[in-house]
C-alpha atoms as a PDB file:
ATOM      1  CA  MET A   1     -26.598 -19.882   5.351  1.00  0.00           C
ATOM      2  CA  CYS A   2     -25.327 -17.514   8.073  1.00  0.00           C
ATOM      3  CA  SER A   3     -21.753 -18.599   7.349  1.00  0.00           C
ATOM      4  CA  LEU A   4     -22.095 -17.088   3.872  1.00  0.00           C
ATOM      5  CA  ASN A   5     -22.848 -13.575   5.158  1.00  0.00           C
ATOM      6  CA  PRO A   6     -19.426 -12.287   3.926  1.00  0.00           C
ATOM      7  CA  LEU A   7     -20.677 -12.824   0.367  1.00  0.00           C
ATOM      8  CA  LYS A   8     -22.923  -9.782   0.791  1.00  0.00           C
ATOM      9  CA  LYS A   9     -19.853  -7.589   1.170  1.00  0.00           C
ATOM     10  CA  ASP A  10     -18.349  -9.151  -1.927  1.00  0.00           C
ATOM     11  CA  LEU A  11     -21.488  -8.412  -3.950  1.00  0.00           C
ATOM     12  CA  GLU A  12     -21.296  -4.831  -2.716  1.00  0.00           C
ATOM     13  CA  THR A  13     -17.736  -4.727  -4.041  1.00  0.00           C
ATOM     14  CA  ILE A  14     -18.877  -5.972  -7.457  1.00  0.00           C
ATOM     15  CA  ALA A  15     -21.582  -3.300  -7.581  1.00  0.00           C
ATOM     16  CA  CYS A  16     -19.097  -0.653  -6.514  1.00  0.00           C
ATOM     17  CA  HIS A  17     -16.575  -1.456  -9.230  1.00  0.00           C
ATOM     18  CA  CYS A  18     -19.258  -1.692 -11.911  1.00  0.00           C
ATOM     19  CA  GLY A  19     -20.624   1.739 -11.065  1.00  0.00           C
ATOM     20  CA  SER A  20     -19.413   5.099 -12.299  1.00  0.00           C
ATOM     21  CA  ASN A  21     -18.263   6.555  -8.952  1.00  0.00           C
ATOM     22  CA  ASN A  22     -15.305   4.211  -8.413  1.00  0.00           C
ATOM     23  CA  GLU A  23     -13.531   6.642  -6.087  1.00  0.00           C
ATOM     24  CA  ALA A  24     -16.013   5.623  -3.381  1.00  0.00           C
ATOM     25  CA  CYS A  25     -14.832   1.989  -3.479  1.00  0.00           C
ATOM     26  CA  ALA A  26     -11.883   2.354  -1.114  1.00  0.00           C
ATOM     27  CA  GLY A  27     -13.676   1.321   2.067  1.00  0.00           C
ATOM     28  CA  VAL A  28     -15.852  -1.269   0.381  1.00  0.00           C
ATOM     29  CA  THR A  29     -13.076  -3.519  -0.871  1.00  0.00           C
ATOM     30  CA  ASP A  30     -11.127  -3.715   2.393  1.00  0.00           C
ATOM     31  CA  ALA A  31     -12.147  -7.069   3.827  1.00  0.00           C
ATOM     32  CA  ILE A  32      -9.325  -7.514   6.364  1.00  0.00           C
ATOM     33  CA  MET A  33     -10.596  -7.166   9.917  1.00  0.00           C
ATOM     34  CA  PRO A  34      -8.013  -5.970  12.479  1.00  0.00           C
ATOM     35  CA  ILE A  35      -8.043  -8.149  15.609  1.00  0.00           C
ATOM     36  CA  GLY A  36      -5.170  -6.660  17.593  1.00  0.00           C
ATOM     37  CA  ASP A  37      -1.468  -5.947  17.691  1.00  0.00           C
ATOM     38  CA  ILE A  38       1.597  -7.307  19.477  1.00  0.00           C
ATOM     39  CA  ASP A  39       4.971  -5.940  20.565  1.00  0.00           C
ATOM     40  CA  ILE A  40       8.079  -7.975  19.752  1.00  0.00           C
ATOM     41  CA  VAL A  41      10.999  -7.090  21.996  1.00  0.00           C
ATOM     42  CA  ALA A  42      14.593  -7.626  20.907  1.00  0.00           C
ATOM     43  CA  GLY A  43      16.353 -10.407  22.802  1.00  0.00           C
ATOM     44  CA  GLU A  44      13.168 -11.945  24.200  1.00  0.00           C
ATOM     45  CA  GLU A  45      11.633 -15.308  23.371  1.00  0.00           C
ATOM     46  CA  GLU A  46       7.909 -15.798  23.889  1.00  0.00           C
ATOM     47  CA  VAL A  47       4.666 -17.074  22.416  1.00  0.00           C
ATOM     48  CA  ILE A  48       2.040 -14.370  21.863  1.00  0.00           C
ATOM     49  CA  ARG A  49      -1.619 -15.067  21.083  1.00  0.00           C
ATOM     50  CA  VAL A  50      -4.087 -12.687  19.442  1.00  0.00           C
ATOM     51  CA  GLY A  51      -7.478 -14.318  19.010  1.00  0.00           C
ATOM     52  CA  PRO A  52      -7.011 -17.413  16.816  1.00  0.00           C
ATOM     53  CA  VAL A  53      -3.488 -16.339  15.791  1.00  0.00           C
ATOM     54  CA  GLN A  54      -0.313 -17.405  17.569  1.00  0.00           C
ATOM     55  CA  VAL A  55       3.137 -15.868  17.022  1.00  0.00           C
ATOM     56  CA  ALA A  56       6.282 -17.485  18.435  1.00  0.00           C
ATOM     57  CA  VAL A  57       9.054 -14.921  18.811  1.00  0.00           C
ATOM     58  CA  PHE A  58      12.758 -15.766  19.098  1.00  0.00           C
ATOM     59  CA  THR A  59      15.635 -13.868  20.672  1.00  0.00           C
ATOM     60  CA  ASP A  60      16.978 -12.802  17.264  1.00  0.00           C
ATOM     61  CA  SER A  61      13.639 -11.974  15.592  1.00  0.00           C
ATOM     62  CA  VAL A  62      14.140  -8.252  16.210  1.00  0.00           C
ATOM     63  CA  SER A  63      17.381  -6.354  15.781  1.00  0.00           C
ATOM     64  CA  SER A  64      18.797  -4.762  18.915  1.00  0.00           C
ATOM     65  CA  GLU A  65      18.827  -1.485  16.999  1.00  0.00           C
ATOM     66  CA  ASP A  66      15.028  -1.624  16.665  1.00  0.00           C
ATOM     67  CA  ASP A  67      14.528  -2.664  20.294  1.00  0.00           C
ATOM     68  CA  VAL A  68      10.729  -3.118  19.920  1.00  0.00           C
ATOM     69  CA  LEU A  69       8.593  -3.753  16.850  1.00  0.00           C
ATOM     70  CA  ASN A  70       4.827  -3.497  16.763  1.00  0.00           C
ATOM     71  CA  VAL A  71       2.941  -5.972  14.575  1.00  0.00           C
ATOM     72  CA  GLU A  72      -0.677  -5.438  13.542  1.00  0.00           C
ATOM     73  CA  ILE A  73      -2.678  -8.642  13.125  1.00  0.00           C
ATOM     74  CA  GLY A  74      -5.835  -8.961  11.026  1.00  0.00           C
ATOM     75  CA  ILE A  75      -8.127 -11.646   9.636  1.00  0.00           C
ATOM     76  CA  GLU A  76      -9.488 -12.142   6.114  1.00  0.00           C
ATOM     77  CA  SER A  77     -12.470 -14.506   6.188  1.00  0.00           C
ATOM     78  CA  SER A  78     -11.986 -17.609   4.064  1.00  0.00           C
ATOM     79  CA  ASP A  79     -15.634 -17.295   2.953  1.00  0.00           C
ATOM     80  CA  SER A  80     -14.972 -13.883   1.409  1.00  0.00           C
ATOM     81  CA  LEU A  81     -12.393 -15.428  -0.930  1.00  0.00           C
ATOM     82  CA  LEU A  82     -15.025 -17.509  -2.747  1.00  0.00           C
ATOM     83  CA  VAL A  83     -16.050 -14.598  -4.989  1.00  0.00           C
ATOM     84  CA  PHE A  84     -12.668 -13.094  -5.759  1.00  0.00           C
ATOM     85  CA  THR A  85     -10.782 -16.112  -7.149  1.00  0.00           C
ATOM     86  CA  SER A  86     -10.697 -16.549 -10.918  1.00  0.00           C
ATOM     87  CA  SER A  87     -12.895 -19.653 -10.855  1.00  0.00           C
ATOM     88  CA  SER A  88     -15.416 -17.893  -8.649  1.00  0.00           C
ATOM     89  CA  SER A  89     -15.337 -14.841 -10.886  1.00  0.00           C
ATOM     90  CA  ARG A  90     -16.381 -17.052 -13.767  1.00  0.00           C
ATOM     91  CA  ARG A  91     -19.228 -18.305 -11.590  1.00  0.00           C
ATOM     92  CA  VAL A  92     -20.299 -14.700 -10.941  1.00  0.00           C
ATOM     93  CA  ARG A  93     -20.819 -14.346 -14.682  1.00  0.00           C
ATOM     94  CA  ARG A  94     -22.537 -17.658 -15.241  1.00  0.00           C
ATOM     95  CA  SER A  95     -23.998 -18.926 -11.979  1.00  0.00           C
ATOM     96  CA  LEU A  96     -27.494 -17.498 -12.379  1.00  0.00           C
ATOM     97  CA  VAL A  97     -28.463 -21.007 -13.428  1.00  0.00           C
ATOM     98  CA  ALA A  98     -29.778 -24.170 -11.835  1.00  0.00           C
ATOM     99  CA  THR A  99     -27.557 -25.536  -9.064  1.00  0.00           C
ATOM    100  CA  GLU A 100     -26.304 -29.058  -8.567  1.00  0.00           C
ATOM    101  CA  GLY A 101     -28.100 -29.244  -5.234  1.00  0.00           C
ATOM    102  CA  ALA A 102     -27.584 -28.214  -1.659  1.00  0.00           C
ATOM    103  CA  GLU A 103     -25.271 -31.167  -1.073  1.00  0.00           C
ATOM    104  CA  LYS A 104     -22.567 -29.289  -2.991  1.00  0.00           C
ATOM    105  CA  ALA A 105     -22.813 -26.251  -0.709  1.00  0.00           C
ATOM    106  CA  ARG A 106     -19.622 -25.658   1.263  1.00  0.00           C
ATOM    107  CA  SER A 107     -17.849 -28.634  -0.243  1.00  0.00           C
ATOM    108  CA  ALA A 108     -14.059 -28.826  -0.082  1.00  0.00           C
ATOM    109  CA  SER A 109     -13.936 -27.848  -3.759  1.00  0.00           C
ATOM    110  CA  CYS A 110     -15.373 -24.412  -2.865  1.00  0.00           C
ATOM    111  CA  PHE A 111     -12.097 -23.648  -1.130  1.00  0.00           C
ATOM    112  CA  ALA A 112      -9.825 -25.111  -3.830  1.00  0.00           C
ATOM    113  CA  ILE A 113      -8.500 -21.689  -4.804  1.00  0.00           C
ATOM    114  CA  VAL A 114      -4.785 -22.078  -4.104  1.00  0.00           C
ATOM    115  CA  LYS A 115      -2.557 -21.786  -7.176  1.00  0.00           C
ATOM    116  CA  ASN A 116       1.157 -22.233  -7.709  1.00  0.00           C
ATOM    117  CA  GLU A 117       3.393 -19.783  -9.596  1.00  0.00           C
ATOM    118  CA  GLU A 118       2.369 -21.448 -12.876  1.00  0.00           C
ATOM    119  CA  GLY A 119      -1.287 -20.585 -12.231  1.00  0.00           C
ATOM    120  CA  THR A 120      -2.341 -24.195 -11.649  1.00  0.00           C
ATOM    121  CA  VAL A 121      -4.862 -24.923  -8.891  1.00  0.00           C
ATOM    122  CA  VAL A 122      -2.940 -27.071  -6.417  1.00  0.00           C
ATOM    123  CA  GLY A 123      -4.668 -26.731  -3.063  1.00  0.00           C
ATOM    124  CA  GLN A 124      -7.445 -25.503  -0.828  1.00  0.00           C
ATOM    125  CA  VAL A 125      -7.532 -23.035   2.042  1.00  0.00           C
ATOM    126  CA  VAL A 126      -8.378 -24.622   5.396  1.00  0.00           C
ATOM    127  CA  GLY A 127      -8.815 -21.509   7.535  1.00  0.00           C
ATOM    128  CA  ASP A 128      -9.039 -17.733   7.595  1.00  0.00           C
ATOM    129  CA  CYS A 129      -6.084 -15.815   6.203  1.00  0.00           C
ATOM    130  CA  VAL A 130      -3.974 -13.737   8.580  1.00  0.00           C
ATOM    131  CA  SER A 131      -2.603 -10.276   7.929  1.00  0.00           C
ATOM    132  CA  PHE A 132       0.873  -9.842   9.464  1.00  0.00           C
ATOM    133  CA  ASP A 133       2.073  -6.239   9.335  1.00  0.00           C
ATOM    134  CA  PRO A 134       5.212  -5.306  11.359  1.00  0.00           C
ATOM    135  CA  SER A 135       6.098  -1.655  11.829  1.00  0.00           C
ATOM    136  CA  ALA A 136       9.602  -2.351  10.461  1.00  0.00           C
ATOM    137  CA  PRO A 137      11.321  -5.328   8.779  1.00  0.00           C
ATOM    138  CA  LEU A 138      12.147  -8.230  11.080  1.00  0.00           C
ATOM    139  CA  ALA A 139      15.789  -9.193  11.521  1.00  0.00           C
ATOM    140  CA  ASN A 140      14.920 -12.901  11.522  1.00  0.00           C
ATOM    141  CA  GLU A 141      11.939 -15.224  11.395  1.00  0.00           C
ATOM    142  CA  VAL A 142       8.976 -15.628  13.715  1.00  0.00           C
ATOM    143  CA  GLU A 143       6.650 -18.625  13.681  1.00  0.00           C
ATOM    144  CA  LEU A 144       3.130 -17.681  12.588  1.00  0.00           C
ATOM    145  CA  CYS A 145       0.435 -20.216  13.500  1.00  0.00           C
ATOM    146  CA  MET A 146      -3.050 -20.057  11.963  1.00  0.00           C
ATOM    147  CA  HIS A 147      -6.068 -22.088  13.010  1.00  0.00           C
ATOM    148  CA  ALA A 148      -7.759 -24.496  10.648  1.00  0.00           C
ATOM    149  CA  LYS A 149     -11.538 -23.977  10.718  1.00  0.00           C
ATOM    150  CA  THR A 150     -13.647 -27.023  11.497  1.00  0.00           C
ATOM    151  CA  SER A 151     -16.438 -25.507   9.373  1.00  0.00           C
ATOM    152  CA  ILE A 152     -14.328 -25.892   6.215  1.00  0.00           C
ATOM    153  CA  PRO A 153     -14.536 -29.376   4.653  1.00  0.00           C
ATOM    154  CA  VAL A 154     -11.102 -30.723   3.749  1.00  0.00           C
ATOM    155  CA  ASP A 155     -10.382 -33.354   1.091  1.00  0.00           C
ATOM    156  CA  TYR A 156      -7.438 -35.066   2.763  1.00  0.00           C
ATOM    157  CA  GLU A 157      -7.259 -37.724   0.039  1.00  0.00           C
ATOM    158  CA  VAL A 158      -6.547 -35.108  -2.622  1.00  0.00           C
ATOM    159  CA  PHE A 159      -4.745 -32.461  -0.589  1.00  0.00           C
ATOM    160  CA  VAL A 160      -2.133 -34.478   1.252  1.00  0.00           C
ATOM    161  CA  VAL A 161       0.458 -31.812   2.100  1.00  0.00           C
ATOM    162  CA  ALA A 162       0.085 -29.104   4.748  1.00  0.00           C
ATOM    163  CA  GLY A 163       1.005 -25.732   3.319  1.00  0.00           C
ATOM    164  CA  VAL A 164       0.883 -21.972   3.557  1.00  0.00           C
ATOM    165  CA  ALA A 165       0.007 -19.440   0.873  1.00  0.00           C
ATOM    166  CA  SER A 166       0.189 -15.707   0.398  1.00  0.00           C
ATOM    167  CA  MET A 167      -2.896 -13.722  -0.537  1.00  0.00           C
ATOM    168  CA  ASP A 168      -2.820 -10.614  -2.677  1.00  0.00           C
ATOM    169  CA  SER A 169      -4.916  -8.113  -0.738  1.00  0.00           C
ATOM    170  CA  THR A 170      -6.159  -6.471  -3.955  1.00  0.00           C
ATOM    171  CA  SER A 171      -6.880  -9.343  -6.340  1.00  0.00           C
ATOM    172  CA  LYS A 172      -7.455 -11.904  -3.543  1.00  0.00           C
ATOM    173  CA  ALA A 173      -5.327 -14.368  -5.493  1.00  0.00           C
ATOM    174  CA  VAL A 174      -3.978 -17.098  -3.198  1.00  0.00           C
ATOM    175  CA  THR A 175      -0.517 -18.396  -4.162  1.00  0.00           C
ATOM    176  CA  ALA A 176       1.178 -21.376  -2.526  1.00  0.00           C
ATOM    177  CA  LEU A 177       4.533 -20.686  -0.867  1.00  0.00           C
ATOM    178  CA  ASP A 178       7.440 -23.136  -0.950  1.00  0.00           C
ATOM    179  CA  GLN A 179       7.777 -23.423   2.820  1.00  0.00           C
ATOM    180  CA  VAL A 180       7.809 -26.179   5.404  1.00  0.00           C
ATOM    181  CA  VAL A 181       4.595 -26.155   7.451  1.00  0.00           C
ATOM    182  CA  THR A 182       3.998 -28.026  10.675  1.00  0.00           C
ATOM    183  CA  VAL A 183       0.559 -28.781  12.095  1.00  0.00           C
ATOM    184  CA  LYS A 184       0.312 -28.351  15.853  1.00  0.00           C
ATOM    185  CA  GLU A 185      -3.000 -29.036  17.577  1.00  0.00           C
ATOM    186  CA  GLY A 186      -5.032 -27.860  14.595  1.00  0.00           C
ATOM    187  CA  LYS A 187      -2.796 -24.878  13.866  1.00  0.00           C
ATOM    188  CA  TYR A 188      -0.790 -24.529  10.652  1.00  0.00           C
ATOM    189  CA  CYS A 189       2.580 -22.991  11.517  1.00  0.00           C
ATOM    190  CA  ALA A 190       5.136 -21.442   9.158  1.00  0.00           C
ATOM    191  CA  MET A 191       8.208 -19.276   9.568  1.00  0.00           C
ATOM    192  CA  VAL A 192       7.758 -15.736   8.216  1.00  0.00           C
ATOM    193  CA  THR A 193       9.733 -12.519   8.148  1.00  0.00           C
ATOM    194  CA  ALA A 194       7.924 -10.278   5.665  1.00  0.00           C
ATOM    195  CA  ALA A 195       4.684  -8.379   5.969  1.00  0.00           C
ATOM    196  CA  GLY A 196       1.844 -10.041   4.108  1.00  0.00           C
ATOM    197  CA  VAL A 197      -1.422 -11.936   4.240  1.00  0.00           C
ATOM    198  CA  TYR A 198      -0.879 -15.642   4.878  1.00  0.00           C
ATOM    199  CA  CYS A 199      -3.382 -18.496   4.513  1.00  0.00           C
ATOM    200  CA  PRO A 200      -3.275 -22.047   5.925  1.00  0.00           C
ATOM    201  CA  THR A 201      -3.674 -24.570   3.109  1.00  0.00           C
ATOM    202  CA  ARG A 202      -3.469 -28.177   2.070  1.00  0.00           C
ATOM    203  CA  ASN A 203      -1.907 -28.962  -1.298  1.00  0.00           C
ATOM    204  CA  ILE A 204      -1.674 -31.845  -3.703  1.00  0.00           C
ATOM    205  CA  ASP A 205       1.503 -33.905  -3.762  1.00  0.00           C
ATOM    206  CA  ALA A 206       4.205 -32.517  -6.075  1.00  0.00           C
ATOM    207  CA  TRP A 207       2.355 -29.202  -6.305  1.00  0.00           C
ATOM    208  CA  PHE A 208       5.462 -27.095  -6.881  1.00  0.00           C
ATOM    209  CA  GLY A 209       5.933 -26.475 -10.600  1.00  0.00           C
ATOM    210  CA  ALA A 210       2.824 -28.441 -11.618  1.00  0.00           C
ATOM    211  CA  VAL A 211       1.433 -27.155 -14.921  1.00  0.00           C
ATOM    212  CA  GLN A 212      -1.862 -29.034 -14.747  1.00  0.00           C
ATOM    213  CA  SER A 213      -4.058 -30.749 -12.167  1.00  0.00           C
ATOM    214  CA  ASP A 214      -7.420 -32.459 -11.876  1.00  0.00           C
ATOM    215  CA  VAL A 215      -8.502 -30.509  -8.797  1.00  0.00           C
ATOM    216  CA  ASP A 216     -12.272 -29.965  -8.583  1.00  0.00           C
ATOM    217  CA  THR A 217     -13.020 -26.250  -8.211  1.00  0.00           C
ATOM    218  CA  SER A 218     -16.827 -26.360  -8.471  1.00  0.00           C
ATOM    219  CA  CYS A 219     -18.758 -24.593  -5.724  1.00  0.00           C
ATOM    220  CA  GLY A 220     -22.415 -25.246  -5.066  1.00  0.00           C
ATOM    221  CA  ALA A 221     -22.445 -22.827  -2.124  1.00  0.00           C
ATOM    222  CA  PHE A 222     -22.115 -19.794  -4.372  1.00  0.00           C
ATOM    223  CA  ASP A 223     -24.613 -21.189  -6.839  1.00  0.00           C
ATOM    224  CA  VAL A 224     -27.124 -21.936  -4.057  1.00  0.00           C
ATOM    225  CA  ILE A 225     -27.121 -18.403  -2.674  1.00  0.00           C
ATOM    226  CA  LEU A 226     -27.370 -16.827  -6.128  1.00  0.00           C
ATOM    227  CA  SER A 227     -30.130 -19.220  -7.100  1.00  0.00           C
ATOM    228  CA  GLU A 228     -32.168 -18.104  -4.094  1.00  0.00           C
ATOM    229  CA  VAL A 229     -31.491 -14.454  -4.883  1.00  0.00           C
ATOM    230  CA  VAL A 230     -32.487 -14.903  -8.523  1.00  0.00           C
ATOM    231  CA  ASP A 231     -35.688 -16.707  -7.529  1.00  0.00           C
ATOM    232  CA  ASP A 232     -36.637 -13.778  -5.308  1.00  0.00           C
ATOM    233  CA  LEU A 233     -35.792 -11.300  -8.062  1.00  0.00           C
ATOM    234  CA  SER A 234     -37.843 -13.249 -10.592  1.00  0.00           C
ATOM    235  CA  ASP A 235     -40.827 -13.287  -8.236  1.00  0.00           C
ATOM    236  CA  ALA A 236     -40.486  -9.515  -7.997  1.00  0.00           C
ATOM    237  CA  GLY A 237     -40.456  -9.192 -11.787  1.00  0.00           C
ATOM    238  CA  VAL A 238     -36.817  -8.098 -12.021  1.00  0.00           C
ATOM    239  CA  VAL A 239     -34.917  -9.071 -15.176  1.00  0.00           C
ATOM    240  CA  VAL A 240     -31.473 -10.344 -14.170  1.00  0.00           C
ATOM    241  CA  VAL A 241     -28.505  -9.562 -16.402  1.00  0.00           C
ATOM    242  CA  GLU A 242     -26.276 -12.659 -16.446  1.00  0.00           C
ATOM    243  CA  ASP A 243     -23.426 -11.135 -18.400  1.00  0.00           C
ATOM    244  CA  LEU A 244     -22.418  -7.919 -20.071  1.00  0.00           C
ATOM    245  CA  PRO A 245     -23.345  -7.652 -23.758  1.00  0.00           C
ATOM    246  CA  GLU A 246     -20.588  -8.220 -26.274  1.00  0.00           C
ATOM    247  CA  LYS A 247     -19.028  -5.011 -27.556  1.00  0.00           C
ATOM    248  CA  GLU A 248     -20.789  -3.929 -30.728  1.00  0.00           C
ATOM    249  CA  GLU A 249     -18.838  -3.295 -33.893  1.00  0.00           C
ATOM    250  CA  GLN A 250     -18.101   0.348 -34.572  1.00  0.00           C
ATOM    251  CA  LYS A 251     -20.775   1.693 -36.905  1.00  0.00           C
ATOM    252  CA  ASN A 252     -20.078   3.878 -39.888  1.00  0.00           C
ATOM    253  CA  PRO A 253     -20.760   7.521 -38.953  1.00  0.00           C
ATOM    254  CA  THR A 254     -22.905   7.844 -42.061  1.00  0.00           C
ATOM    255  CA  GLU A 255     -25.311   5.159 -40.883  1.00  0.00           C
ATOM    256  CA  THR A 256     -28.558   6.324 -39.383  1.00  0.00           C
ATOM    257  CA  ASP A 257     -28.715   5.503 -35.685  1.00  0.00           C
ATOM    258  CA  THR A 258     -30.452   6.823 -32.629  1.00  0.00           C
ATOM    259  CA  HIS A 259     -28.036   8.089 -29.994  1.00  0.00           C
ATOM    260  CA  PHE A 260     -28.983   9.412 -26.587  1.00  0.00           C
ATOM    261  CA  GLY A 261     -25.621  10.892 -25.618  1.00  0.00           C
ATOM    262  CA  ASP A 262     -23.255   9.927 -22.838  1.00  0.00           C
ATOM    263  CA  ASP A 263     -26.066   9.645 -20.309  1.00  0.00           C
ATOM    264  CA  GLY A 264     -28.471   7.815 -22.608  1.00  0.00           C
ATOM    265  CA  LEU A 265     -29.400   4.171 -23.037  1.00  0.00           C
ATOM    266  CA  ASN A 266     -26.951   3.709 -25.897  1.00  0.00           C
ATOM    267  CA  SER A 267     -23.925   5.098 -24.061  1.00  0.00           C
ATOM    268  CA  PRO A 268     -20.923   2.835 -23.439  1.00  0.00           C
ATOM    269  CA  ALA A 269     -21.434   3.081 -19.692  1.00  0.00           C
ATOM    270  CA  ALA A 270     -25.050   1.916 -19.836  1.00  0.00           C
ATOM    271  CA  PRO A 271     -24.359  -1.834 -19.562  1.00  0.00           C
ATOM    272  CA  LEU A 272     -22.160  -1.194 -16.526  1.00  0.00           C
ATOM    273  CA  ARG A 273     -24.816   0.930 -14.895  1.00  0.00           C
ATOM    274  CA  THR A 274     -27.401  -1.737 -15.664  1.00  0.00           C
ATOM    275  CA  LEU A 275     -25.263  -4.422 -14.027  1.00  0.00           C
ATOM    276  CA  SER A 276     -24.548  -2.150 -11.086  1.00  0.00           C
ATOM    277  CA  VAL A 277     -28.249  -1.474 -10.548  1.00  0.00           C
ATOM    278  CA  VAL A 278     -29.058  -5.181 -10.790  1.00  0.00           C
ATOM    279  CA  VAL A 279     -26.392  -6.112  -8.244  1.00  0.00           C
ATOM    280  CA  VAL A 280     -27.543  -3.348  -5.892  1.00  0.00           C
ATOM    281  CA  VAL A 281     -31.081  -4.725  -6.143  1.00  0.00           C
ATOM    282  CA  ILE A 282     -29.663  -8.196  -5.465  1.00  0.00           C
ATOM    283  CA  LEU A 283     -28.082  -6.897  -2.261  1.00  0.00           C
ATOM    284  CA  GLY A 284     -31.478  -6.028  -0.863  1.00  0.00           C
ATOM    285  CA  PHE A 285     -32.645  -9.572  -1.394  1.00  0.00           C
ATOM    286  CA  VAL A 286     -29.383 -11.027  -0.093  1.00  0.00           C
ATOM    287  CA  SER A 287     -30.001  -9.276   3.209  1.00  0.00           C
ATOM    288  CA  VAL A 288     -33.287 -11.158   3.495  1.00  0.00           C
ATOM    289  CA  VAL A 289     -31.949 -14.464   2.191  1.00  0.00           C
ATOM    290  CA  LEU A 290     -29.023 -14.483   4.623  1.00  0.00           C
ATOM    291  CA  ALA A 291     -31.015 -13.254   7.642  1.00  0.00           C
END
């Protein structure tokens, strides 16, 4: 389960946003790991490698007026995306239940999080996402090549088209881009000009404009880790909150009711604090489970 270690950071993020001191969340939610930077020189053509990322630069990529542009390169782990997608978010709320078995852990469907502009799931990520951040706008394209990870199962029968997607660094939503992608020695290569976070993907045929699909988005991996955490919590006598209570109807002020004030058990923030405490407790057990 070592490959699922990034999920601990994601659980920390959930706890952070459910707590009352949200100003402290800034450093918690930043999951992009810088791996280096490159200089692109106007008029030069070269291939530059930074870790698993390769950038092919052309003579017209940088304007002669800019002379040299610096580009910061970072990596967003594909595992960390499992919690932040909409389907995974639903699993956060419901997955404290029995799992389908370990055979579903890290299946291709876990990574089927790529949507088109219509919001339809049309593909899966096949590698870590790459942050591409030039110091100034490029004059023309460079070729960005991202490695596919052998640890990610790929359903080639369903996802038949090589693709690239953009990832929203805040919501973690992964949206397919209408671009030609070539696969070179296990690297997914696309032409880019703008700053952004790009992910290598495989998509279904005729994905562009699709309004519905039969793509399987179930993920036993997330259920397995939460099942283990919940088992440990249950053994410790901790009551796990699976979901926030429904909002109660506003009571008539004349009705007799016990109220403990803004810091009491009946305050509106109490359910959030309860969830936050539970998730924080979960984190302690996750550290043991993932060790």
